[in-house]
Amino acid sequence: MPRIIRHLLNLLLLPLALLMVVLEDVVWAGAVAVLRTLRHTTPVRAAGAWLGTLPGYAALPLFLVPEAVGLAGKLWAIALLAGGHRLEALQAYVLIRLVCTLISVFIYQSCEAALLRIAWFARAVGWVHAARDWAMSLLRPALAVLRALFQRGHGRLALRWLAIRRRLRIQR
C-alpha cells in the first residue's frame, strides 16, 4: 500500500479508533466495576445466570432492549430540550445512555461465551480488538507523556486521577 494512502487511512480511522479506546478504557472499565459490585445482589446474579444459559442467537436480540430504552431516553431528552429544560435534557440523556451501556455490558458479559461461538460475531470482536490495539500503538507515546506529566504533578487532581486509574486497572 502506498505511503500516502496509509497516512490518509490513519488520519481517517484514528478518530474512530481513539473513540473506541476511550470507550474501552473509561466507560467499559467503569461499567465492569459497577457490575462487579452489583453482581453480589441476588436479582443480578440470577439474571446473569439465566442469560448465561441462552444460546448466542437468542442472546443477540437482547441488545435491542437497551437500544430501545436509549431511543426512548433520547426522545425524552429532546422533549425536555424543546420545553427549554437544557440541563435536565442533558442529565436525562447522559443518565439513560450510561444505564443502557451498563445493561449492554451486563448482557455481553453474561452471554460472552455463547456469543463468541457465532463465527461472524467472534470475527467482529476480533476486528474491534485489532482496531483497539492499533489505536493504542499510535497513542502509547502520547499516553506516556501524559502519564509522566501526571506523575510529576503533585496536585490533588493528578493524584486523584491516578488513584482512579489504578483502581480500575486492578479490578479488570
N, C-alpha and C. Protein backbone atom coordinates (compact mmCIF):
# COMPACT_ATOMS: atom_id res chain seq x y z
N MET A 1 0.85 -1.17 0.00
CA MET A 1 0.00 0.00 0.00
C MET A 1 0.90 1.24 0.00
N PRO A 2 0.64 2.17 -0.91
CA PRO A 2 1.47 3.39 -0.95
C PRO A 2 1.40 4.16 0.37
N ARG A 3 2.49 4.84 0.64
CA ARG A 3 2.62 5.53 1.93
C ARG A 3 1.56 6.61 2.13
N ILE A 4 1.22 7.36 1.10
CA ILE A 4 0.24 8.44 1.22
C ILE A 4 -1.15 7.88 1.56
N ILE A 5 -1.49 6.75 0.97
CA ILE A 5 -2.80 6.13 1.25
C ILE A 5 -2.83 5.63 2.70
N ARG A 6 -1.72 5.06 3.12
CA ARG A 6 -1.66 4.58 4.51
C ARG A 6 -1.81 5.75 5.49
N HIS A 7 -1.16 6.88 5.21
CA HIS A 7 -1.28 8.05 6.08
C HIS A 7 -2.71 8.60 6.06
N LEU A 8 -3.34 8.61 4.90
CA LEU A 8 -4.73 9.07 4.82
C LEU A 8 -5.67 8.14 5.59
N LEU A 9 -5.44 6.84 5.46
CA LEU A 9 -6.25 5.88 6.22
C LEU A 9 -6.07 6.08 7.72
N ASN A 10 -4.82 6.28 8.14
CA ASN A 10 -4.57 6.55 9.56
C ASN A 10 -5.31 7.80 10.01
N LEU A 11 -5.28 8.83 9.18
CA LEU A 11 -5.94 10.08 9.52
C LEU A 11 -7.45 9.89 9.61
N LEU A 12 -8.01 9.09 8.73
CA LEU A 12 -9.46 8.86 8.74
C LEU A 12 -9.89 7.92 9.86
N LEU A 13 -9.11 6.89 10.11
CA LEU A 13 -9.51 5.87 11.08
C LEU A 13 -9.09 6.19 12.51
N LEU A 14 -8.14 7.07 12.69
CA LEU A 14 -7.65 7.36 14.03
C LEU A 14 -8.74 7.91 14.96
N PRO A 15 -9.58 8.88 14.52
CA PRO A 15 -10.61 9.36 15.45
C PRO A 15 -11.56 8.25 15.91
N LEU A 16 -11.95 7.37 15.01
CA LEU A 16 -12.82 6.25 15.39
C LEU A 16 -12.10 5.32 16.37
N ALA A 17 -10.85 5.04 16.09
CA ALA A 17 -10.09 4.17 16.98
C ALA A 17 -9.87 4.83 18.34
N LEU A 18 -9.63 6.13 18.35
CA LEU A 18 -9.48 6.84 19.63
C LEU A 18 -10.77 6.77 20.44
N LEU A 19 -11.89 6.94 19.77
CA LEU A 19 -13.18 6.83 20.44
C LEU A 19 -13.35 5.44 21.04
N MET A 20 -12.97 4.43 20.28
CA MET A 20 -13.07 3.05 20.78
C MET A 20 -12.19 2.85 22.00
N VAL A 21 -10.99 3.41 21.97
CA VAL A 21 -10.07 3.26 23.09
C VAL A 21 -10.63 3.95 24.32
N VAL A 22 -11.17 5.15 24.14
CA VAL A 22 -11.75 5.88 25.27
C VAL A 22 -12.94 5.11 25.83
N LEU A 23 -13.79 4.60 24.93
CA LEU A 23 -14.93 3.83 25.40
C LEU A 23 -14.48 2.58 26.15
N GLU A 24 -13.50 1.91 25.61
CA GLU A 24 -12.99 0.70 26.26
C GLU A 24 -12.40 1.04 27.62
N ASP A 25 -11.56 2.06 27.65
CA ASP A 25 -10.86 2.38 28.88
C ASP A 25 -11.75 2.99 29.95
N VAL A 26 -12.59 3.91 29.58
CA VAL A 26 -13.35 4.65 30.57
C VAL A 26 -14.71 4.03 30.83
N VAL A 27 -15.54 3.99 29.82
CA VAL A 27 -16.92 3.55 30.01
C VAL A 27 -16.97 2.06 30.34
N TRP A 28 -16.28 1.25 29.56
CA TRP A 28 -16.33 -0.20 29.79
C TRP A 28 -15.75 -0.55 31.16
N ALA A 29 -14.61 0.03 31.48
CA ALA A 29 -13.99 -0.26 32.78
C ALA A 29 -14.89 0.20 33.92
N GLY A 30 -15.51 1.35 33.77
CA GLY A 30 -16.43 1.82 34.79
C GLY A 30 -17.65 0.92 34.92
N ALA A 31 -18.20 0.49 33.78
CA ALA A 31 -19.35 -0.41 33.81
C ALA A 31 -19.00 -1.74 34.46
N VAL A 32 -17.82 -2.25 34.15
CA VAL A 32 -17.39 -3.52 34.75
C VAL A 32 -17.24 -3.37 36.26
N ALA A 33 -16.70 -2.24 36.70
CA ALA A 33 -16.55 -2.01 38.14
C ALA A 33 -17.91 -1.94 38.83
N VAL A 34 -18.87 -1.25 38.21
CA VAL A 34 -20.22 -1.16 38.78
C VAL A 34 -20.87 -2.54 38.79
N LEU A 35 -20.73 -3.27 37.70
CA LEU A 35 -21.34 -4.61 37.63
C LEU A 35 -20.72 -5.57 38.63
N ARG A 36 -19.43 -5.43 38.88
CA ARG A 36 -18.77 -6.28 39.86
C ARG A 36 -19.43 -6.09 41.23
N THR A 37 -19.79 -4.86 41.54
CA THR A 37 -20.47 -4.58 42.80
C THR A 37 -21.90 -5.11 42.78
N LEU A 38 -22.60 -4.89 41.67
CA LEU A 38 -24.00 -5.31 41.57
C LEU A 38 -24.17 -6.82 41.51
N ARG A 39 -23.16 -7.53 41.04
CA ARG A 39 -23.27 -8.99 40.91
C ARG A 39 -23.45 -9.70 42.25
N HIS A 40 -23.21 -9.00 43.32
CA HIS A 40 -23.39 -9.59 44.64
C HIS A 40 -24.86 -9.60 45.06
N THR A 41 -25.71 -8.89 44.32
CA THR A 41 -27.13 -8.88 44.66
C THR A 41 -27.80 -10.08 44.00
N THR A 42 -28.79 -10.63 44.66
CA THR A 42 -29.45 -11.84 44.19
C THR A 42 -30.12 -11.67 42.82
N PRO A 43 -30.88 -10.59 42.57
CA PRO A 43 -31.54 -10.47 41.26
C PRO A 43 -30.55 -10.39 40.10
N VAL A 44 -29.47 -9.64 40.29
CA VAL A 44 -28.47 -9.50 39.22
C VAL A 44 -27.75 -10.82 38.99
N ARG A 45 -27.43 -11.52 40.06
CA ARG A 45 -26.78 -12.82 39.93
C ARG A 45 -27.69 -13.81 39.21
N ALA A 46 -28.99 -13.80 39.55
CA ALA A 46 -29.94 -14.71 38.90
C ALA A 46 -30.11 -14.35 37.43
N ALA A 47 -30.20 -13.06 37.13
CA ALA A 47 -30.34 -12.64 35.72
C ALA A 47 -29.11 -13.03 34.92
N GLY A 48 -27.92 -12.86 35.50
CA GLY A 48 -26.68 -13.24 34.81
C GLY A 48 -26.62 -14.73 34.56
N ALA A 49 -27.06 -15.52 35.55
CA ALA A 49 -27.06 -16.98 35.37
C ALA A 49 -28.03 -17.38 34.28
N TRP A 50 -29.21 -16.75 34.24
CA TRP A 50 -30.19 -17.08 33.22
C TRP A 50 -29.67 -16.69 31.84
N LEU A 51 -29.09 -15.49 31.73
CA LEU A 51 -28.55 -15.05 30.44
C LEU A 51 -27.43 -15.97 29.97
N GLY A 52 -26.66 -16.49 30.91
CA GLY A 52 -25.56 -17.38 30.56
C GLY A 52 -26.02 -18.70 29.97
N THR A 53 -27.28 -19.07 30.19
CA THR A 53 -27.79 -20.32 29.63
C THR A 53 -28.30 -20.16 28.21
N LEU A 54 -28.45 -18.94 27.74
CA LEU A 54 -29.02 -18.71 26.40
C LEU A 54 -28.00 -19.03 25.31
N PRO A 55 -28.48 -19.57 24.19
CA PRO A 55 -27.58 -19.73 23.04
C PRO A 55 -27.30 -18.35 22.43
N GLY A 56 -26.24 -18.27 21.65
CA GLY A 56 -25.80 -16.99 21.09
C GLY A 56 -26.86 -16.25 20.30
N TYR A 57 -27.55 -16.96 19.40
CA TYR A 57 -28.54 -16.28 18.57
C TYR A 57 -29.75 -15.84 19.36
N ALA A 58 -30.02 -16.44 20.50
CA ALA A 58 -31.10 -15.98 21.37
C ALA A 58 -30.66 -14.76 22.17
N ALA A 59 -29.36 -14.63 22.42
CA ALA A 59 -28.85 -13.50 23.19
C ALA A 59 -28.73 -12.24 22.34
N LEU A 60 -28.50 -12.39 21.04
CA LEU A 60 -28.31 -11.22 20.18
C LEU A 60 -29.47 -10.22 20.24
N PRO A 61 -30.74 -10.67 20.15
CA PRO A 61 -31.83 -9.69 20.19
C PRO A 61 -31.94 -8.95 21.53
N LEU A 62 -31.34 -9.48 22.57
CA LEU A 62 -31.39 -8.81 23.87
C LEU A 62 -30.69 -7.46 23.84
N PHE A 63 -29.75 -7.29 22.92
CA PHE A 63 -29.06 -6.00 22.80
C PHE A 63 -30.00 -4.91 22.27
N LEU A 64 -31.13 -5.30 21.69
CA LEU A 64 -32.10 -4.31 21.22
C LEU A 64 -32.83 -3.65 22.38
N VAL A 65 -32.93 -4.33 23.51
CA VAL A 65 -33.66 -3.78 24.66
C VAL A 65 -32.99 -2.49 25.17
N PRO A 66 -31.69 -2.51 25.50
CA PRO A 66 -31.10 -1.24 25.94
C PRO A 66 -31.09 -0.19 24.83
N GLU A 67 -31.02 -0.64 23.59
CA GLU A 67 -31.05 0.32 22.48
C GLU A 67 -32.41 0.99 22.39
N ALA A 68 -33.47 0.23 22.57
CA ALA A 68 -34.83 0.80 22.54
C ALA A 68 -35.03 1.76 23.72
N VAL A 69 -34.54 1.38 24.89
CA VAL A 69 -34.64 2.27 26.05
C VAL A 69 -33.83 3.54 25.80
N GLY A 70 -32.66 3.40 25.19
CA GLY A 70 -31.85 4.57 24.85
C GLY A 70 -32.55 5.48 23.87
N LEU A 71 -33.25 4.91 22.90
CA LEU A 71 -34.00 5.72 21.95
C LEU A 71 -35.13 6.47 22.65
N ALA A 72 -35.84 5.78 23.55
CA ALA A 72 -36.89 6.44 24.32
C ALA A 72 -36.30 7.57 25.18
N GLY A 73 -35.14 7.32 25.75
CA GLY A 73 -34.48 8.36 26.54
C GLY A 73 -34.07 9.54 25.69
N LYS A 74 -33.62 9.26 24.47
CA LYS A 74 -33.25 10.34 23.56
C LYS A 74 -34.48 11.20 23.23
N LEU A 75 -35.60 10.54 22.98
CA LEU A 75 -36.84 11.27 22.69
C LEU A 75 -37.27 12.11 23.90
N TRP A 76 -37.12 11.55 25.09
CA TRP A 76 -37.45 12.28 26.30
C TRP A 76 -36.55 13.51 26.45
N ALA A 77 -35.26 13.33 26.19
CA ALA A 77 -34.33 14.45 26.27
C ALA A 77 -34.68 15.53 25.24
N ILE A 78 -35.08 15.11 24.05
CA ILE A 78 -35.48 16.08 23.03
C ILE A 78 -36.72 16.84 23.48
N ALA A 79 -37.67 16.13 24.09
CA ALA A 79 -38.87 16.80 24.60
C ALA A 79 -38.52 17.80 25.70
N LEU A 80 -37.61 17.42 26.59
CA LEU A 80 -37.16 18.35 27.63
C LEU A 80 -36.47 19.57 27.02
N LEU A 81 -35.65 19.31 26.01
CA LEU A 81 -34.95 20.39 25.33
C LEU A 81 -35.93 21.33 24.65
N ALA A 82 -36.94 20.76 24.00
CA ALA A 82 -37.95 21.58 23.34
C ALA A 82 -38.73 22.42 24.35
N GLY A 83 -38.85 21.93 25.57
CA GLY A 83 -39.54 22.67 26.62
C GLY A 83 -38.64 23.69 27.30
N GLY A 84 -37.41 23.81 26.85
CA GLY A 84 -36.50 24.81 27.40
C GLY A 84 -35.70 24.32 28.60
N HIS A 85 -35.74 23.05 28.89
CA HIS A 85 -35.02 22.48 30.03
C HIS A 85 -33.70 21.87 29.56
N ARG A 86 -32.71 22.72 29.30
CA ARG A 86 -31.45 22.25 28.72
C ARG A 86 -30.68 21.33 29.66
N LEU A 87 -30.51 21.76 30.89
CA LEU A 87 -29.73 20.97 31.83
C LEU A 87 -30.40 19.63 32.12
N GLU A 88 -31.71 19.64 32.31
CA GLU A 88 -32.45 18.40 32.56
C GLU A 88 -32.37 17.46 31.37
N ALA A 89 -32.41 18.02 30.15
CA ALA A 89 -32.31 17.21 28.93
C ALA A 89 -30.94 16.53 28.87
N LEU A 90 -29.90 17.28 29.17
CA LEU A 90 -28.55 16.72 29.17
C LEU A 90 -28.40 15.65 30.24
N GLN A 91 -28.90 15.93 31.43
CA GLN A 91 -28.81 14.96 32.52
C GLN A 91 -29.58 13.68 32.18
N ALA A 92 -30.79 13.83 31.65
CA ALA A 92 -31.59 12.65 31.30
C ALA A 92 -30.89 11.83 30.23
N TYR A 93 -30.39 12.49 29.20
CA TYR A 93 -29.73 11.77 28.11
C TYR A 93 -28.51 11.02 28.61
N VAL A 94 -27.65 11.70 29.37
CA VAL A 94 -26.42 11.07 29.85
C VAL A 94 -26.73 9.91 30.79
N LEU A 95 -27.66 10.13 31.72
CA LEU A 95 -28.01 9.07 32.66
C LEU A 95 -28.58 7.85 31.94
N ILE A 96 -29.49 8.07 31.02
CA ILE A 96 -30.11 6.95 30.30
C ILE A 96 -29.08 6.23 29.45
N ARG A 97 -28.20 6.97 28.77
CA ARG A 97 -27.17 6.32 27.96
C ARG A 97 -26.22 5.49 28.84
N LEU A 98 -25.86 6.01 30.00
CA LEU A 98 -24.99 5.25 30.89
C LEU A 98 -25.66 3.99 31.39
N VAL A 99 -26.93 4.08 31.76
CA VAL A 99 -27.66 2.89 32.22
C VAL A 99 -27.79 1.88 31.09
N CYS A 100 -28.07 2.36 29.89
CA CYS A 100 -28.19 1.45 28.74
C CYS A 100 -26.85 0.79 28.43
N THR A 101 -25.77 1.54 28.55
CA THR A 101 -24.44 0.96 28.35
C THR A 101 -24.16 -0.09 29.41
N LEU A 102 -24.52 0.19 30.64
CA LEU A 102 -24.34 -0.76 31.72
C LEU A 102 -25.10 -2.05 31.45
N ILE A 103 -26.33 -1.92 30.96
CA ILE A 103 -27.14 -3.10 30.64
C ILE A 103 -26.51 -3.88 29.49
N SER A 104 -26.02 -3.16 28.48
CA SER A 104 -25.37 -3.83 27.34
C SER A 104 -24.12 -4.60 27.78
N VAL A 105 -23.32 -3.99 28.64
CA VAL A 105 -22.13 -4.65 29.15
C VAL A 105 -22.52 -5.89 29.96
N PHE A 106 -23.57 -5.77 30.75
CA PHE A 106 -24.06 -6.90 31.54
C PHE A 106 -24.50 -8.05 30.62
N ILE A 107 -25.25 -7.73 29.57
CA ILE A 107 -25.69 -8.75 28.62
C ILE A 107 -24.48 -9.39 27.95
N TYR A 108 -23.54 -8.57 27.51
CA TYR A 108 -22.36 -9.11 26.84
C TYR A 108 -21.57 -10.02 27.76
N GLN A 109 -21.30 -9.55 28.98
CA GLN A 109 -20.51 -10.37 29.90
C GLN A 109 -21.22 -11.67 30.24
N SER A 110 -22.52 -11.62 30.40
CA SER A 110 -23.27 -12.83 30.77
C SER A 110 -23.34 -13.82 29.62
N CYS A 111 -23.37 -13.33 28.39
CA CYS A 111 -23.55 -14.20 27.22
C CYS A 111 -22.30 -14.32 26.37
N GLU A 112 -21.17 -13.84 26.86
CA GLU A 112 -19.96 -13.78 26.03
C GLU A 112 -19.58 -15.12 25.43
N ALA A 113 -19.58 -16.17 26.21
CA ALA A 113 -19.16 -17.47 25.68
C ALA A 113 -20.06 -17.92 24.53
N ALA A 114 -21.36 -17.77 24.68
CA ALA A 114 -22.29 -18.17 23.63
C ALA A 114 -22.17 -17.26 22.41
N LEU A 115 -21.99 -15.96 22.64
CA LEU A 115 -21.87 -15.02 21.52
C LEU A 115 -20.61 -15.28 20.71
N LEU A 116 -19.52 -15.63 21.38
CA LEU A 116 -18.27 -15.86 20.66
C LEU A 116 -18.27 -17.18 19.89
N ARG A 117 -19.28 -18.02 20.10
CA ARG A 117 -19.41 -19.23 19.28
C ARG A 117 -20.03 -18.92 17.93
N ILE A 118 -20.59 -17.74 17.76
CA ILE A 118 -21.12 -17.29 16.47
C ILE A 118 -19.94 -16.75 15.68
N ALA A 119 -19.66 -17.34 14.54
CA ALA A 119 -18.43 -17.03 13.80
C ALA A 119 -18.32 -15.55 13.44
N TRP A 120 -19.37 -14.97 12.86
CA TRP A 120 -19.28 -13.57 12.44
C TRP A 120 -19.15 -12.64 13.64
N PHE A 121 -19.76 -12.98 14.76
CA PHE A 121 -19.65 -12.16 15.96
C PHE A 121 -18.22 -12.23 16.51
N ALA A 122 -17.66 -13.41 16.53
CA ALA A 122 -16.29 -13.58 17.01
C ALA A 122 -15.31 -12.81 16.11
N ARG A 123 -15.55 -12.84 14.79
CA ARG A 123 -14.71 -12.06 13.87
C ARG A 123 -14.84 -10.57 14.15
N ALA A 124 -16.07 -10.10 14.36
CA ALA A 124 -16.29 -8.68 14.65
C ALA A 124 -15.58 -8.26 15.94
N VAL A 125 -15.66 -9.09 16.96
CA VAL A 125 -14.96 -8.79 18.22
C VAL A 125 -13.45 -8.77 17.97
N GLY A 126 -12.96 -9.69 17.16
CA GLY A 126 -11.54 -9.69 16.82
C GLY A 126 -11.12 -8.42 16.10
N TRP A 127 -11.96 -7.94 15.17
CA TRP A 127 -11.67 -6.69 14.46
C TRP A 127 -11.64 -5.50 15.42
N VAL A 128 -12.59 -5.47 16.33
CA VAL A 128 -12.64 -4.38 17.31
C VAL A 128 -11.38 -4.40 18.18
N HIS A 129 -10.97 -5.59 18.61
CA HIS A 129 -9.76 -5.68 19.43
C HIS A 129 -8.52 -5.30 18.61
N ALA A 130 -8.49 -5.68 17.34
CA ALA A 130 -7.35 -5.31 16.49
C ALA A 130 -7.31 -3.79 16.30
N ALA A 131 -8.47 -3.17 16.09
CA ALA A 131 -8.52 -1.71 15.94
C ALA A 131 -8.08 -1.02 17.23
N ARG A 132 -8.50 -1.56 18.36
CA ARG A 132 -8.11 -1.00 19.65
C ARG A 132 -6.59 -1.12 19.83
N ASP A 133 -6.03 -2.26 19.50
CA ASP A 133 -4.59 -2.46 19.63
C ASP A 133 -3.82 -1.52 18.71
N TRP A 134 -4.34 -1.32 17.48
CA TRP A 134 -3.71 -0.40 16.53
C TRP A 134 -3.73 1.02 17.09
N ALA A 135 -4.89 1.44 17.61
CA ALA A 135 -5.00 2.79 18.17
C ALA A 135 -4.08 2.95 19.37
N MET A 136 -4.00 1.93 20.20
CA MET A 136 -3.12 2.01 21.37
C MET A 136 -1.66 2.11 20.95
N SER A 137 -1.30 1.43 19.87
CA SER A 137 0.09 1.52 19.42
C SER A 137 0.42 2.94 18.94
N LEU A 138 -0.57 3.63 18.39
CA LEU A 138 -0.36 5.02 17.97
C LEU A 138 -0.39 5.97 19.16
N LEU A 139 -1.17 5.63 20.18
CA LEU A 139 -1.34 6.51 21.32
C LEU A 139 -0.30 6.34 22.41
N ARG A 140 0.39 5.21 22.43
CA ARG A 140 1.33 4.93 23.53
C ARG A 140 2.32 6.06 23.78
N PRO A 141 2.94 6.65 22.75
CA PRO A 141 3.88 7.75 23.04
C PRO A 141 3.20 8.94 23.73
N ALA A 142 2.02 9.33 23.25
CA ALA A 142 1.31 10.46 23.87
C ALA A 142 0.86 10.11 25.28
N LEU A 143 0.40 8.88 25.47
CA LEU A 143 -0.03 8.47 26.80
C LEU A 143 1.14 8.44 27.78
N ALA A 144 2.31 8.06 27.30
CA ALA A 144 3.50 8.05 28.15
C ALA A 144 3.85 9.47 28.60
N VAL A 145 3.72 10.43 27.69
CA VAL A 145 3.99 11.83 28.04
C VAL A 145 2.98 12.31 29.07
N LEU A 146 1.69 12.00 28.85
CA LEU A 146 0.65 12.40 29.80
C LEU A 146 0.87 11.76 31.16
N ARG A 147 1.22 10.49 31.18
CA ARG A 147 1.48 9.82 32.45
C ARG A 147 2.64 10.47 33.18
N ALA A 148 3.69 10.80 32.42
CA ALA A 148 4.84 11.45 33.05
C ALA A 148 4.44 12.79 33.64
N LEU A 149 3.60 13.55 32.92
CA LEU A 149 3.14 14.84 33.44
C LEU A 149 2.32 14.66 34.71
N PHE A 150 1.42 13.67 34.69
CA PHE A 150 0.58 13.43 35.86
C PHE A 150 1.41 12.92 37.04
N GLN A 151 2.41 12.10 36.76
CA GLN A 151 3.21 11.56 37.85
C GLN A 151 4.12 12.64 38.45
N ARG A 152 4.52 13.60 37.64
CA ARG A 152 5.33 14.69 38.15
C ARG A 152 4.49 15.69 38.92
N GLY A 153 3.24 15.84 38.48
CA GLY A 153 2.35 16.79 39.15
C GLY A 153 1.94 16.28 40.51
N HIS A 154 1.96 17.13 41.49
CA HIS A 154 1.60 16.72 42.84
C HIS A 154 0.28 17.34 43.27
N GLY A 155 -0.49 17.84 42.29
CA GLY A 155 -1.77 18.45 42.62
C GLY A 155 -2.80 17.38 42.99
N ARG A 156 -3.86 17.83 43.65
CA ARG A 156 -4.91 16.90 44.09
C ARG A 156 -5.56 16.19 42.91
N LEU A 157 -5.80 16.93 41.82
CA LEU A 157 -6.45 16.34 40.66
C LEU A 157 -5.61 15.23 40.06
N ALA A 158 -4.31 15.48 39.91
CA ALA A 158 -3.43 14.47 39.34
C ALA A 158 -3.39 13.22 40.21
N LEU A 159 -3.28 13.41 41.51
CA LEU A 159 -3.23 12.26 42.41
C LEU A 159 -4.55 11.50 42.42
N ARG A 160 -5.66 12.21 42.39
CA ARG A 160 -6.97 11.55 42.37
C ARG A 160 -7.15 10.75 41.08
N TRP A 161 -6.77 11.35 39.96
CA TRP A 161 -6.90 10.68 38.67
C TRP A 161 -6.07 9.39 38.66
N LEU A 162 -4.87 9.44 39.17
CA LEU A 162 -4.03 8.24 39.22
C LEU A 162 -4.64 7.18 40.11
N ALA A 163 -5.24 7.57 41.22
CA ALA A 163 -5.88 6.61 42.11
C ALA A 163 -7.05 5.92 41.41
N ILE A 164 -7.84 6.68 40.68
CA ILE A 164 -8.98 6.11 39.94
C ILE A 164 -8.46 5.13 38.88
N ARG A 165 -7.45 5.53 38.13
CA ARG A 165 -6.91 4.67 37.08
C ARG A 165 -6.34 3.38 37.67
N ARG A 166 -5.61 3.48 38.78
CA ARG A 166 -5.05 2.28 39.40
C ARG A 166 -6.16 1.35 39.87
N ARG A 167 -7.19 1.91 40.46
CA ARG A 167 -8.31 1.09 40.96
C ARG A 167 -9.00 0.36 39.81
N LEU A 168 -9.25 1.06 38.70
CA LEU A 168 -9.90 0.40 37.57
C LEU A 168 -8.99 -0.65 36.96
N ARG A 169 -7.69 -0.39 36.92
CA ARG A 169 -6.74 -1.35 36.35
C ARG A 169 -6.68 -2.61 37.21
N ILE A 170 -6.72 -2.44 38.52
CA ILE A 170 -6.66 -3.59 39.42
C ILE A 170 -7.92 -4.44 39.28
N GLN A 171 -9.07 -3.82 39.08
CA GLN A 171 -10.34 -4.54 39.05
C GLN A 171 -10.59 -5.25 37.73
N ARG A 172 -9.82 -5.00 36.72
CA ARG A 172 -10.04 -5.65 35.43
C ARG A 172 -9.74 -7.06 35.58
